[in-house]
């Protein structure tokens, strides 16, 4: 489980970095919602993996 969660986090960091690199405007008003959405998705994935682990 720990390895899966680490991979989920690594993927999130890669997606955030990609978003920042590809953004033409680094305004917080524009970037923050995109990163927040990715963060929320990552948190959901982590919780789902934990639930799978606990329910084994």
C-alpha atoms as a PDB file:
ATOM      1  CA  UNK A   1       0.000   0.000   0.000  1.00  0.00           C
ATOM      2  CA  UNK A   2       2.762   2.435   0.894  1.00  0.00           C
ATOM      3  CA  UNK A   3       4.367   2.072  -2.523  1.00  0.00           C
ATOM      4  CA  UNK A   4       1.056   2.715  -4.255  1.00  0.00           C
ATOM      5  CA  UNK A   5       0.487   5.871  -2.227  1.00  0.00           C
ATOM      6  CA  UNK A   6       4.010   7.059  -2.972  1.00  0.00           C
ATOM      7  CA  UNK A   7       3.377   6.560  -6.677  1.00  0.00           C
ATOM      8  CA  UNK A   8       0.109   8.489  -6.461  1.00  0.00           C
ATOM      9  CA  UNK A   9       1.986  11.376  -4.839  1.00  0.00           C
ATOM     10  CA  UNK A  10       4.772  11.269  -7.416  1.00  0.00           C
ATOM     11  CA  UNK A  11       2.179  11.395 -10.183  1.00  0.00           C
ATOM     12  CA  UNK A  12       0.544  14.404  -8.567  1.00  0.00           C
ATOM     13  CA  UNK A  13       3.836  16.282  -8.339  1.00  0.00           C
ATOM     14  CA  UNK A  14       4.538  15.517 -11.999  1.00  0.00           C
ATOM     15  CA  UNK A  15       1.100  16.777 -13.032  1.00  0.00           C
ATOM     16  CA  UNK A  16       1.460  19.960 -10.979  1.00  0.00           C
ATOM     17  CA  UNK A  17       4.898  20.648 -12.442  1.00  0.00           C
ATOM     18  CA  UNK A  18       3.549  20.046 -15.934  1.00  0.00           C
ATOM     19  CA  UNK A  19       0.683  22.454 -15.262  1.00  0.00           C
ATOM     20  CA  UNK A  20       3.100  25.107 -14.050  1.00  0.00           C
ATOM     21  CA  UNK A  21       5.461  24.625 -16.988  1.00  0.00           C
ATOM     22  CA  UNK A  22       2.683  24.748 -19.573  1.00  0.00           C
ATOM     23  CA  UNK A  23       0.863  27.705 -18.068  1.00  0.00           C
ATOM     24  CA  UNK A  24       1.220  30.902 -20.016  1.00  0.00           C
ATOM     25  CA  UNK A  25       0.068  32.930 -17.049  1.00  0.00           C
ATOM     26  CA  UNK A  26       1.417  32.089 -13.600  1.00  0.00           C
ATOM     27  CA  UNK A  27      -1.221  34.134 -11.831  1.00  0.00           C
ATOM     28  CA  UNK A  28      -2.391  32.465  -8.634  1.00  0.00           C
ATOM     29  CA  UNK A  29      -5.993  33.094  -9.658  1.00  0.00           C
ATOM     30  CA  UNK A  30      -5.504  30.884 -12.686  1.00  0.00           C
ATOM     31  CA  UNK A  31      -3.113  28.237 -11.371  1.00  0.00           C
ATOM     32  CA  UNK A  32      -4.639  27.613  -7.947  1.00  0.00           C
ATOM     33  CA  UNK A  33      -7.947  26.047  -9.094  1.00  0.00           C
ATOM     34  CA  UNK A  34      -6.126  23.633 -11.405  1.00  0.00           C
ATOM     35  CA  UNK A  35      -3.696  22.576  -8.713  1.00  0.00           C
ATOM     36  CA  UNK A  36      -6.461  22.351  -6.115  1.00  0.00           C
ATOM     37  CA  UNK A  37      -8.418  20.014  -8.377  1.00  0.00           C
ATOM     38  CA  UNK A  38      -5.366  17.793  -8.823  1.00  0.00           C
ATOM     39  CA  UNK A  39      -4.794  17.842  -5.075  1.00  0.00           C
ATOM     40  CA  UNK A  40      -8.386  16.828  -4.402  1.00  0.00           C
ATOM     41  CA  UNK A  41      -8.140  13.994  -6.919  1.00  0.00           C
ATOM     42  CA  UNK A  42      -4.919  12.818  -5.321  1.00  0.00           C
ATOM     43  CA  UNK A  43      -6.445  12.847  -1.851  1.00  0.00           C
ATOM     44  CA  UNK A  44      -9.381  10.832  -3.122  1.00  0.00           C
ATOM     45  CA  UNK A  45      -7.056   8.275  -4.701  1.00  0.00           C
ATOM     46  CA  UNK A  46      -5.065   7.943  -1.489  1.00  0.00           C
ATOM     47  CA  UNK A  47      -8.197   7.410   0.591  1.00  0.00           C
ATOM     48  CA  UNK A  48      -9.492   4.840  -1.909  1.00  0.00           C
ATOM     49  CA  UNK A  49      -6.235   2.905  -1.710  1.00  0.00           C
ATOM     50  CA  UNK A  50      -6.322   3.016   2.080  1.00  0.00           C
ATOM     51  CA  UNK A  51      -9.884   1.708   2.118  1.00  0.00           C
ATOM     52  CA  UNK A  52      -8.872  -1.150  -0.197  1.00  0.00           C
ATOM     53  CA  UNK A  53      -5.991  -1.961   2.137  1.00  0.00           C
ATOM     54  CA  UNK A  54      -8.135  -1.903   5.281  1.00  0.00           C
ATOM     55  CA  UNK A  55     -10.844  -4.047   3.693  1.00  0.00           C
ATOM     56  CA  UNK A  56      -8.467  -6.868   2.755  1.00  0.00           C
END
